[in-house]
């Protein structure tokens, strides 16, 4: 990382309290509580600070040597602590100071525990680059992280050949939530996981998989220490754990309520050249902007879940329950400037459609069984938010307010959403400034689940599913289709 360098923390620790930034001092105080003999830890420091135009949002990442806890079978490891997601200075140079009662900055800092290899005398610095990548996402999107969130990374965390290619987030087992002069802070620990463990977290929930990891010593143990040399998943180590996941999905459903994806839809009721067709609004012109009402509805539907896209960092959409703790100046998860302007509500009309075609890329398509089994059959919603424009497809229960699809009119388009519903299910689709609702029966949801259950990331594309009697078709297409402006 060109803009960062390992450095000593001596100057910071030996500085006078009166001139030492209070937010920084508070975090150092918590670290000194855990490591009283390491008052001068090795640090990775941003050479040009973010508030001076540098690319790295974290001013510092402190690195400590933790001896573990033999009584709990916790091995020796390196403990990394970020400084910069919270407000360190209180002078608005990075975060707006809104008082002591709310969160400090984004309200959290990141930590990471990496198993110490035999003979290592200094901590590897690659975790600092990983933490900076996550921090950049937070600063750029203003999405916050929560315990239980999962992050799809699709690459070994240390750029090796490791199977540890994704992350879960949980509370740090040693660092306590704290109050600073600029607000409160919690400490979220990054936990490296295998692809199979990430998928299990998506299908069930992150907290459930974290609990399983805590019970498997070589997969993390009670302090969830990441071992980049781990070659087996928890399901390889203990096959019975898969039964616990399956039972959890059946009992609890999935906590994954949304992903950013490559997706689209077409109205097959009218010819493509029709000026009112959803595609004609987008192609060759700027998409219409959404009204405040539509924007708020979309934000409410899309606050929570996991982002899946072509970028290396795939964090979750922030949980709604945490959004109220953020300063009012922070944007909510999926609110953007393109959705901020007002379009006259009378220009957005509702129309009934006869037939529809849903399109997903392969990664999005593999989540359809999760959507149907883990969410819809439990009366919950699931959102696909397009990364290529103002498009969103959300499956939700019929109890959601604002639904405009009915049993009499099972296919309806209005404003920015496509909605599909049955006795359990409603699908919202946002396509530029066109909405679409589809009403399904619960029996049909079961039929769809049986038909798409064979979807996998190894399928030869394109792959199509069609239900002519219901006048709906789903296509799973290569990514290149969605990269074209005429998709």
Protein backbone atom coordinates (compact mmCIF):
# COMPACT_ATOMS: atom_id res chain seq x y z
CA UNK A 1 0.00 0.00 0.00
CA UNK A 2 1.83 3.06 -1.29
CA UNK A 3 0.21 5.56 1.03
CA UNK A 4 0.87 3.62 4.23
CA UNK A 5 3.94 2.67 6.20
CA UNK A 6 4.64 0.80 9.43
CA UNK A 7 5.64 3.21 12.16
CA UNK A 8 6.07 3.40 15.88
CA UNK A 9 3.20 4.65 18.01
CA UNK A 10 5.63 6.15 20.53
CA UNK A 11 5.00 9.77 19.66
CA UNK A 12 1.27 9.34 20.02
CA UNK A 13 1.46 7.47 23.30
CA UNK A 14 3.98 9.84 24.86
CA UNK A 15 2.18 13.01 23.77
CA UNK A 16 0.61 15.27 26.32
CA UNK A 17 -3.05 14.53 27.03
CA UNK A 18 -3.89 18.21 26.67
CA UNK A 19 -2.83 18.26 23.00
CA UNK A 20 -3.65 14.65 22.21
CA UNK A 21 -6.89 14.24 20.14
CA UNK A 22 -9.53 13.05 22.65
CA UNK A 23 -11.10 10.44 20.38
CA UNK A 24 -7.72 8.92 19.62
CA UNK A 25 -6.79 9.05 23.28
CA UNK A 26 -9.98 7.17 24.25
CA UNK A 27 -9.24 4.26 21.89
CA UNK A 28 -5.62 4.11 23.00
CA UNK A 29 -6.85 3.95 26.57
CA UNK A 30 -8.94 0.84 25.80
CA UNK A 31 -5.96 -0.74 24.04
CA UNK A 32 -3.70 0.02 27.03
CA UNK A 33 -6.21 -1.73 29.25
CA UNK A 34 -5.70 -4.92 27.24
CA UNK A 35 -2.00 -4.45 26.51
CA UNK A 36 -0.41 -2.51 29.40
CA UNK A 37 3.02 -3.81 28.39
CA UNK A 38 2.62 -2.65 24.75
CA UNK A 39 2.24 1.11 25.10
CA UNK A 40 4.31 1.56 21.94
CA UNK A 41 2.73 -0.83 19.38
CA UNK A 42 3.74 -1.11 15.77
CA UNK A 43 1.37 0.95 13.63
CA UNK A 44 0.50 1.19 9.97
CA UNK A 45 0.00 4.89 9.29
CA UNK A 46 -1.51 6.77 6.38
CA UNK A 47 1.31 9.02 5.16
CA UNK A 48 -1.15 11.56 3.73
CA UNK A 49 -4.16 11.68 6.00
CA UNK A 50 -7.63 11.30 4.50
CA UNK A 51 -8.60 14.77 5.66
CA UNK A 52 -5.62 16.15 3.72
CA UNK A 53 -6.63 14.41 0.48
CA UNK A 54 -5.03 11.01 1.03
CA UNK A 55 -6.74 7.82 -0.21
CA UNK A 56 -6.79 5.88 3.07
CA UNK A 57 -9.57 6.76 5.57
CA UNK A 58 -7.91 5.10 8.56
CA UNK A 59 -5.28 7.35 10.10
CA UNK A 60 -3.72 4.43 11.94
CA UNK A 61 -3.98 0.67 12.43
CA UNK A 62 -2.35 -0.48 15.67
CA UNK A 63 -0.98 -4.03 15.82
CA UNK A 64 -0.61 -5.92 19.11
CA UNK A 65 0.76 -9.30 20.08
CA UNK A 66 -1.89 -11.20 22.01
CA UNK A 67 -0.75 -14.22 24.02
CA UNK A 68 -4.19 -15.81 23.81
CA UNK A 69 -5.81 -17.73 26.64
CA UNK A 70 -4.55 -21.29 27.17
CA UNK A 71 -7.39 -22.01 29.59
CA UNK A 72 -9.92 -21.38 26.79
CA UNK A 73 -7.72 -22.99 24.14
CA UNK A 74 -7.16 -19.61 22.46
CA UNK A 75 -3.85 -19.53 20.53
CA UNK A 76 -1.37 -16.67 20.35
CA UNK A 77 -2.27 -14.19 17.64
CA UNK A 78 -1.86 -10.69 16.25
CA UNK A 79 -4.59 -8.20 17.14
CA UNK A 80 -5.23 -5.29 14.75
CA UNK A 81 -7.25 -2.21 15.75
CA UNK A 82 -8.34 0.54 13.33
CA UNK A 83 -8.48 4.24 14.17
CA UNK A 84 -10.47 6.54 11.90
CA UNK A 85 -13.96 5.18 11.36
CA UNK A 86 -14.87 6.95 14.58
CA UNK A 87 -14.32 10.65 15.21
CA UNK A 88 -10.77 11.04 16.52
CA UNK A 89 -10.57 14.84 16.52
CA UNK A 90 -14.00 16.39 17.10
CA UNK A 91 -13.29 19.35 14.84
CA UNK A 92 -15.25 18.27 11.73
CA UNK A 93 -12.12 17.59 9.72
CA UNK A 94 -13.41 14.07 8.90
CA UNK A 95 -16.67 13.42 10.75
CA UNK A 96 -19.36 15.90 11.62
CA UNK A 97 -19.54 16.29 15.40
CA UNK A 98 -23.17 15.96 16.47
CA UNK A 99 -22.77 15.57 20.23
CA UNK A 100 -21.85 12.93 22.76
CA UNK A 101 -25.19 11.14 22.76
CA UNK A 102 -24.95 9.63 19.28
CA UNK A 103 -22.29 7.59 17.49
CA UNK A 104 -18.75 8.87 17.16
CA UNK A 105 -18.26 9.17 13.41
CA UNK A 106 -19.66 5.94 12.00
CA UNK A 107 -19.93 4.59 15.52
CA UNK A 108 -17.45 1.74 15.27
CA UNK A 109 -13.87 0.70 14.63
CA UNK A 110 -12.68 -2.54 13.04
CA UNK A 111 -10.48 -5.18 14.62
CA UNK A 112 -8.93 -8.39 13.28
CA UNK A 113 -7.29 -11.36 14.99
CA UNK A 114 -4.77 -13.32 12.92
CA UNK A 115 -3.18 -16.52 14.17
CA UNK A 116 0.54 -16.01 14.81
CA UNK A 117 2.69 -18.42 12.82
CA UNK A 118 5.63 -20.13 14.48
CA UNK A 119 8.73 -17.95 14.24
CA UNK A 120 6.89 -14.74 13.40
CA UNK A 121 8.45 -11.81 15.23
CA UNK A 122 6.35 -9.05 13.67
CA UNK A 123 2.74 -8.92 12.51
CA UNK A 124 2.01 -9.12 8.75
CA UNK A 125 0.77 -5.80 7.40
CA UNK A 126 -1.70 -7.12 4.81
CA UNK A 127 -4.61 -6.99 7.30
CA UNK A 128 -4.13 -3.22 7.46
CA UNK A 129 -4.70 -2.99 3.71
CA UNK A 130 -7.79 -5.16 4.07
CA UNK A 131 -9.15 -2.88 6.79
CA UNK A 132 -8.45 0.20 4.67
CA UNK A 133 -10.45 -1.38 1.83
CA UNK A 134 -13.44 -1.91 4.08
CA UNK A 135 -13.07 1.62 5.48
CA UNK A 136 -13.03 3.08 1.97
CA UNK A 137 -16.31 1.33 1.25
CA UNK A 138 -17.87 2.75 4.43
CA UNK A 139 -16.70 6.29 3.69
CA UNK A 140 -17.73 6.18 0.03
CA UNK A 141 -21.13 4.52 0.50
CA UNK A 142 -21.84 5.74 4.06
CA UNK A 143 -23.16 2.25 4.80
CA UNK A 144 -22.31 1.07 8.29
CA UNK A 145 -21.44 -2.44 9.45
CA UNK A 146 -23.20 -4.45 12.15
CA UNK A 147 -22.42 -7.61 14.06
CA UNK A 148 -23.56 -10.62 12.04
CA UNK A 149 -22.99 -8.93 8.67
CA UNK A 150 -21.16 -10.88 6.01
CA UNK A 151 -18.86 -9.57 3.30
CA UNK A 152 -18.33 -11.40 0.03
CA UNK A 153 -14.72 -10.76 -1.04
CA UNK A 154 -14.12 -13.50 -3.65
CA UNK A 155 -10.36 -13.53 -3.13
CA UNK A 156 -7.97 -14.85 -0.47
CA UNK A 157 -7.73 -12.13 2.14
CA UNK A 158 -3.93 -12.20 2.03
CA UNK A 159 -3.66 -12.67 -1.78
CA UNK A 160 -2.34 -16.20 -1.29
CA UNK A 161 -3.94 -19.52 -2.27
CA UNK A 162 -5.93 -19.66 0.98
CA UNK A 163 -9.54 -20.86 1.16
CA UNK A 164 -10.28 -17.94 3.50
CA UNK A 165 -11.86 -15.61 0.94
CA UNK A 166 -14.77 -13.89 2.70
CA UNK A 167 -15.61 -12.26 6.02
CA UNK A 168 -18.14 -12.18 8.80
CA UNK A 169 -18.35 -9.42 11.41
CA UNK A 170 -18.91 -9.81 15.14
CA UNK A 171 -18.26 -7.99 18.40
CA UNK A 172 -14.62 -8.09 19.47
CA UNK A 173 -14.42 -10.51 22.44
CA UNK A 174 -12.09 -8.29 24.49
CA UNK A 175 -12.58 -4.66 23.46
CA UNK A 176 -15.58 -3.11 25.16
CA UNK A 177 -17.99 -0.57 23.65
CA UNK A 178 -17.00 2.83 24.94
CA UNK A 179 -18.09 6.42 25.33
CA UNK A 180 -15.81 9.16 24.02
CA UNK A 181 -16.18 12.98 24.12
CA UNK A 182 -17.46 12.71 20.53
CA UNK A 183 -19.97 9.86 20.93
CA UNK A 184 -20.04 6.12 21.47
CA UNK A 185 -17.92 3.48 19.72
CA UNK A 186 -18.18 -0.29 19.37
CA UNK A 187 -15.49 -2.62 18.04
CA UNK A 188 -16.41 -4.99 15.21
CA UNK A 189 -14.05 -7.90 14.57
CA UNK A 190 -13.41 -9.21 11.06
CA UNK A 191 -13.56 -13.02 10.87
CA UNK A 192 -12.16 -14.77 7.79
CA UNK A 193 -14.33 -17.60 6.42
CA UNK A 194 -14.46 -20.03 3.52
CA UNK A 195 -16.93 -19.77 0.65
CA UNK A 196 -19.08 -22.59 2.03
CA UNK A 197 -19.32 -20.80 5.37
CA UNK A 198 -20.27 -17.52 3.72
CA UNK A 199 -23.00 -19.28 1.74
CA UNK A 200 -24.32 -20.87 4.92
CA UNK A 201 -24.43 -17.41 6.55
CA UNK A 202 -26.40 -16.09 3.56
CA UNK A 203 -28.85 -18.99 3.61
CA UNK A 204 -29.33 -18.84 7.39
CA UNK A 205 -27.74 -15.92 9.29
CA UNK A 206 -24.30 -14.63 10.21
CA UNK A 207 -24.72 -14.98 13.96
CA UNK A 208 -25.62 -18.64 13.63
CA UNK A 209 -22.48 -19.41 11.63
CA UNK A 210 -20.34 -17.36 14.04
CA UNK A 211 -21.65 -19.51 16.89
CA UNK A 212 -20.67 -22.65 14.98
CA UNK A 213 -17.19 -21.25 14.30
CA UNK A 214 -16.72 -20.51 17.99
CA UNK A 215 -17.30 -24.17 18.76
CA UNK A 216 -14.63 -25.40 16.33
CA UNK A 217 -11.13 -24.70 17.63
CA UNK A 218 -9.26 -24.80 14.33
CA UNK A 219 -11.96 -22.70 12.61
CA UNK A 220 -11.73 -19.77 15.03
CA UNK A 221 -12.54 -20.95 18.53
CA UNK A 222 -14.12 -18.74 21.20
CA UNK A 223 -12.25 -15.61 20.09
CA UNK A 224 -12.79 -16.27 16.36
CA UNK A 225 -9.14 -16.06 15.35
CA UNK A 226 -8.55 -16.25 11.62
CA UNK A 227 -6.10 -18.90 10.42
CA UNK A 228 -5.23 -18.27 6.78
CA UNK A 229 -3.77 -21.79 6.54
CA UNK A 230 -7.04 -23.46 7.43
CA UNK A 231 -7.84 -25.84 4.59
CA UNK A 232 -11.09 -27.33 5.86
CA UNK A 233 -14.50 -25.78 6.33
CA UNK A 234 -16.44 -26.34 9.53
CA UNK A 235 -18.62 -28.74 7.53
CA UNK A 236 -15.57 -30.76 6.53
CA UNK A 237 -14.43 -30.84 10.15
CA UNK A 238 -17.85 -31.74 11.55
CA UNK A 239 -20.44 -32.84 8.92
CA UNK A 240 -23.19 -32.68 11.56
CA UNK A 241 -22.95 -28.89 11.50
CA UNK A 242 -24.66 -28.86 8.11
CA UNK A 243 -27.69 -30.42 9.74
CA UNK A 244 -27.76 -27.56 12.26
CA UNK A 245 -27.67 -25.04 9.41
CA UNK A 246 -30.46 -26.83 7.51
CA UNK A 247 -32.59 -26.97 10.63
CA UNK A 248 -31.90 -23.30 11.31
CA UNK A 249 -33.01 -22.33 7.79
CA UNK A 250 -36.17 -24.38 8.13
CA UNK A 251 -36.95 -22.90 11.55
CA UNK A 252 -35.68 -19.34 11.25
CA UNK A 253 -35.44 -18.68 7.52
CA UNK A 254 -32.66 -16.47 6.23
CA UNK A 255 -31.61 -13.11 7.65
CA UNK A 256 -30.24 -12.04 4.27
CA UNK A 257 -32.80 -9.57 2.99
CA UNK A 258 -31.03 -7.88 0.11
CA UNK A 259 -28.11 -7.95 -2.31
CA UNK A 260 -26.68 -5.64 -4.91
CA UNK A 261 -26.79 -7.56 -8.13
CA UNK A 262 -26.90 -7.54 -11.90
CA UNK A 263 -30.58 -7.79 -12.73
CA UNK A 264 -33.24 -6.43 -15.09
CA UNK A 265 -36.84 -7.02 -16.17
CA UNK A 266 -38.89 -6.67 -19.32
CA UNK A 267 -42.61 -6.15 -19.84
CA UNK A 268 -43.57 -8.82 -22.38
CA UNK A 269 -47.07 -7.39 -22.60
CA UNK A 270 -46.10 -4.77 -25.15
CA UNK A 271 -43.57 -4.56 -27.99
CA UNK A 272 -40.05 -3.26 -27.18
CA UNK A 273 -40.51 -0.24 -29.42
CA UNK A 274 -43.44 1.01 -27.34
CA UNK A 275 -42.47 4.39 -25.91
CA UNK A 276 -44.01 3.49 -22.58
CA UNK A 277 -41.92 0.34 -22.25
CA UNK A 278 -39.62 0.35 -19.26
CA UNK A 279 -36.52 0.13 -21.43
CA UNK A 280 -37.34 3.26 -23.41
CA UNK A 281 -37.01 5.37 -20.28
CA UNK A 282 -33.39 4.44 -19.74
CA UNK A 283 -31.73 3.87 -23.10
CA UNK A 284 -30.12 6.87 -24.70
CA UNK A 285 -31.16 9.32 -22.00
CA UNK A 286 -30.71 10.12 -18.37
CA UNK A 287 -33.04 8.13 -16.08
CA UNK A 288 -35.79 10.14 -14.48
CA UNK A 289 -35.16 10.97 -10.87
CA UNK A 290 -37.38 9.67 -8.13
CA UNK A 291 -39.76 11.49 -5.85
CA UNK A 292 -39.06 11.74 -2.14
CA UNK A 293 -41.92 9.32 -1.49
CA UNK A 294 -40.58 6.71 -3.90
CA UNK A 295 -37.06 7.19 -2.59
CA UNK A 296 -38.18 6.63 0.99
CA UNK A 297 -40.10 3.46 0.05
CA UNK A 298 -37.07 2.09 -1.77
CA UNK A 299 -34.77 2.93 1.10
CA UNK A 300 -37.04 1.16 3.57
CA UNK A 301 -37.09 -1.96 1.39
CA UNK A 302 -33.38 -2.02 0.72
CA UNK A 303 -31.71 -1.14 4.01
CA UNK A 304 -30.55 -4.60 5.01
CA UNK A 305 -28.64 -7.45 3.37
CA UNK A 306 -25.52 -8.18 1.41
CA UNK A 307 -24.12 -6.42 -1.66
CA UNK A 308 -23.13 -8.73 -4.48
CA UNK A 309 -21.42 -7.13 -7.46
CA UNK A 310 -18.30 -7.25 -9.56
CA UNK A 311 -16.13 -5.33 -7.10
CA UNK A 312 -13.73 -7.02 -4.73
CA UNK A 313 -15.44 -5.61 -1.64
CA UNK A 314 -19.02 -6.77 -1.26
CA UNK A 315 -20.34 -5.47 2.06
CA UNK A 316 -23.89 -5.67 3.35
CA UNK A 317 -26.58 -3.08 3.20
CA UNK A 318 -26.84 -1.52 6.63
CA UNK A 319 -29.48 -2.67 9.05
CA UNK A 320 -32.39 -0.29 9.51
CA UNK A 321 -32.27 -0.52 13.26
CA UNK A 322 -28.81 1.03 13.26
CA UNK A 323 -29.55 3.78 10.79
CA UNK A 324 -31.42 5.81 13.39
CA UNK A 325 -28.26 6.06 15.48
CA UNK A 326 -26.32 7.81 12.76
CA UNK A 327 -26.06 11.60 12.46
CA UNK A 328 -28.76 13.09 10.25
CA UNK A 329 -26.11 14.29 7.83
CA UNK A 330 -25.27 10.68 6.94
CA UNK A 331 -27.11 9.23 3.96
CA UNK A 332 -29.14 6.09 4.46
CA UNK A 333 -27.75 2.95 2.85
CA UNK A 334 -29.13 3.15 -0.68
CA UNK A 335 -30.08 6.78 -0.95
CA UNK A 336 -28.07 8.47 -3.67
CA UNK A 337 -27.90 11.82 -5.38
CA UNK A 338 -29.58 10.29 -8.43
CA UNK A 339 -32.61 9.52 -6.28
CA UNK A 340 -32.78 12.84 -4.46
CA UNK A 341 -34.54 15.04 -6.99
CA UNK A 342 -38.30 15.20 -7.31
CA UNK A 343 -40.30 13.89 -10.25
CA UNK A 344 -43.97 14.97 -10.29
CA UNK A 345 -45.99 12.13 -8.77
CA UNK A 346 -48.76 12.54 -11.36
CA UNK A 347 -46.26 11.49 -14.07
CA UNK A 348 -45.93 8.09 -12.42
CA UNK A 349 -48.96 6.03 -13.34
CA UNK A 350 -49.90 2.46 -12.55
CA UNK A 351 -50.52 0.05 -15.39
CA UNK A 352 -51.38 -3.64 -15.51
CA UNK A 353 -49.11 -6.03 -17.40
CA UNK A 354 -49.87 -9.41 -18.90
CA UNK A 355 -46.46 -11.10 -18.93
CA UNK A 356 -42.99 -10.44 -17.50
CA UNK A 357 -39.39 -11.55 -17.95
CA UNK A 358 -36.91 -11.36 -15.04
CA UNK A 359 -33.18 -11.45 -15.74
CA UNK A 360 -30.31 -12.18 -13.34
CA UNK A 361 -26.61 -12.79 -13.67
CA UNK A 362 -25.27 -16.12 -12.44
CA UNK A 363 -24.30 -15.03 -8.94
CA UNK A 364 -27.70 -13.41 -8.42
CA UNK A 365 -29.47 -16.41 -9.88
CA UNK A 366 -27.89 -18.80 -7.41
CA UNK A 367 -29.61 -16.83 -4.64
CA UNK A 368 -33.11 -17.52 -6.00
CA UNK A 369 -33.54 -20.73 -3.95
CA UNK A 370 -32.43 -18.78 -0.86
CA UNK A 371 -34.90 -16.03 -1.71
CA UNK A 372 -37.78 -18.49 -2.10
CA UNK A 373 -37.00 -20.95 0.66
CA UNK A 374 -35.27 -18.80 3.27
CA UNK A 375 -37.28 -15.60 2.86
CA UNK A 376 -40.58 -15.84 1.00
CA UNK A 377 -41.85 -19.02 2.61
CA UNK A 378 -41.19 -17.33 5.96
CA UNK A 379 -43.23 -14.28 5.00
CA UNK A 380 -40.19 -12.04 4.53
CA UNK A 381 -38.90 -9.86 1.73
CA UNK A 382 -35.80 -10.14 -0.44
CA UNK A 383 -34.29 -7.40 -2.62
CA UNK A 384 -32.09 -7.43 -5.68
CA UNK A 385 -30.63 -3.92 -6.12
CA UNK A 386 -29.05 -3.37 -9.53
CA UNK A 387 -25.46 -2.14 -9.57
CA UNK A 388 -25.92 -0.92 -13.15
CA UNK A 389 -28.64 1.65 -12.56
CA UNK A 390 -31.86 2.48 -10.77
CA UNK A 391 -33.31 -1.02 -10.78
CA UNK A 392 -34.44 -3.11 -7.84
CA UNK A 393 -36.40 -6.35 -7.56
CA UNK A 394 -37.76 -7.05 -4.09
CA UNK A 395 -39.70 -10.11 -2.99
CA UNK A 396 -41.69 -9.25 0.13
CA UNK A 397 -44.79 -10.44 1.98
CA UNK A 398 -48.25 -9.20 1.07
CA UNK A 399 -48.45 -7.35 4.38
CA UNK A 400 -46.02 -4.69 3.17
CA UNK A 401 -47.74 -1.31 2.84
CA UNK A 402 -47.80 0.37 -0.53
CA UNK A 403 -48.24 -2.78 -2.63
CA UNK A 404 -50.19 -2.14 -5.80
CA UNK A 405 -50.36 -5.71 -7.18
CA UNK A 406 -53.55 -7.53 -6.32
CA UNK A 407 -55.12 -10.90 -7.01
CA UNK A 408 -57.32 -9.18 -9.60
CA UNK A 409 -54.31 -7.50 -11.22
CA UNK A 410 -51.34 -9.80 -10.52
CA UNK A 411 -48.95 -7.82 -12.78
CA UNK A 412 -48.75 -4.07 -12.29
CA UNK A 413 -46.13 -1.41 -13.10
CA UNK A 414 -45.81 1.87 -11.26
CA UNK A 415 -43.00 4.34 -10.61
CA UNK A 416 -39.67 2.74 -9.75
CA UNK A 417 -40.48 -0.81 -8.61
CA UNK A 418 -41.30 -4.23 -9.93
CA UNK A 419 -43.36 -6.13 -7.34
CA UNK A 420 -44.25 -9.80 -7.28
CA UNK A 421 -46.58 -11.16 -4.60
CA UNK A 422 -48.62 -14.15 -3.52
CA UNK A 423 -50.29 -15.05 -0.24
CA UNK A 424 -46.73 -14.91 1.13
CA UNK A 425 -44.83 -12.89 -1.43
CA UNK A 426 -44.56 -9.47 -3.08
CA UNK A 427 -41.84 -8.52 -5.54
CA UNK A 428 -40.84 -4.89 -6.03
CA UNK A 429 -38.83 -3.99 -9.12
CA UNK A 430 -37.24 -0.57 -9.63
CA UNK A 431 -36.37 0.08 -13.29
CA UNK A 432 -35.34 3.70 -13.87
CA UNK A 433 -38.76 5.27 -13.23
CA UNK A 434 -40.90 2.17 -13.75
CA UNK A 435 -42.33 -0.11 -11.03
CA UNK A 436 -43.66 -3.58 -11.52
CA UNK A 437 -45.67 -5.91 -9.24
CA UNK A 438 -46.49 -9.59 -9.77
CA UNK A 439 -48.98 -11.54 -7.72
CA UNK A 440 -48.20 -15.25 -7.25
CA UNK A 441 -49.88 -18.02 -5.33
CA UNK A 442 -48.08 -19.82 -2.52
CA UNK A 443 -48.42 -23.04 -4.52
CA UNK A 444 -46.61 -21.37 -7.41
CA UNK A 445 -43.79 -20.25 -5.10
CA UNK A 446 -43.29 -23.91 -4.18
CA UNK A 447 -43.28 -24.84 -7.85
CA UNK A 448 -40.71 -22.18 -8.67
CA UNK A 449 -38.54 -23.35 -5.79
CA UNK A 450 -38.58 -26.91 -7.10
CA UNK A 451 -37.71 -25.72 -10.61
CA UNK A 452 -34.81 -23.42 -9.69
CA UNK A 453 -33.35 -25.57 -6.89
CA UNK A 454 -30.71 -26.92 -9.29
CA UNK A 455 -29.14 -23.50 -9.89
CA UNK A 456 -25.39 -23.42 -9.22
CA UNK A 457 -22.39 -21.29 -10.05
CA UNK A 458 -21.20 -24.02 -12.42
CA UNK A 459 -24.22 -23.88 -14.72
CA UNK A 460 -23.69 -23.32 -18.43
CA UNK A 461 -25.38 -20.06 -19.37
CA UNK A 462 -27.85 -18.89 -20.48
CA UNK A 463 -30.28 -20.85 -18.32
CA UNK A 464 -34.01 -20.24 -18.59
CA UNK A 465 -37.06 -21.09 -16.50
CA UNK A 466 -40.51 -20.48 -17.92
CA UNK A 467 -44.02 -20.86 -16.54
CA UNK A 468 -46.28 -20.12 -19.56
CA UNK A 469 -49.51 -20.57 -17.64
CA UNK A 470 -48.37 -17.85 -15.22
CA UNK A 471 -46.87 -15.71 -18.00
CA UNK A 472 -43.54 -15.28 -16.27
CA UNK A 473 -40.03 -16.20 -17.36
CA UNK A 474 -36.68 -16.03 -15.55
CA UNK A 475 -33.35 -16.01 -17.37
CA UNK A 476 -29.91 -16.44 -15.78
CA UNK A 477 -27.45 -14.77 -18.13
CA UNK A 478 -23.70 -14.07 -18.40
CA UNK A 479 -22.40 -10.92 -16.75
CA UNK A 480 -21.56 -9.42 -20.15
CA UNK A 481 -25.26 -9.12 -20.96
CA UNK A 482 -25.70 -6.70 -18.07
CA UNK A 483 -22.61 -4.71 -18.97
CA UNK A 484 -24.28 -3.64 -22.22
CA UNK A 485 -26.38 -0.47 -22.10
CA UNK A 486 -29.02 -2.29 -24.15
CA UNK A 487 -29.46 -5.19 -21.76
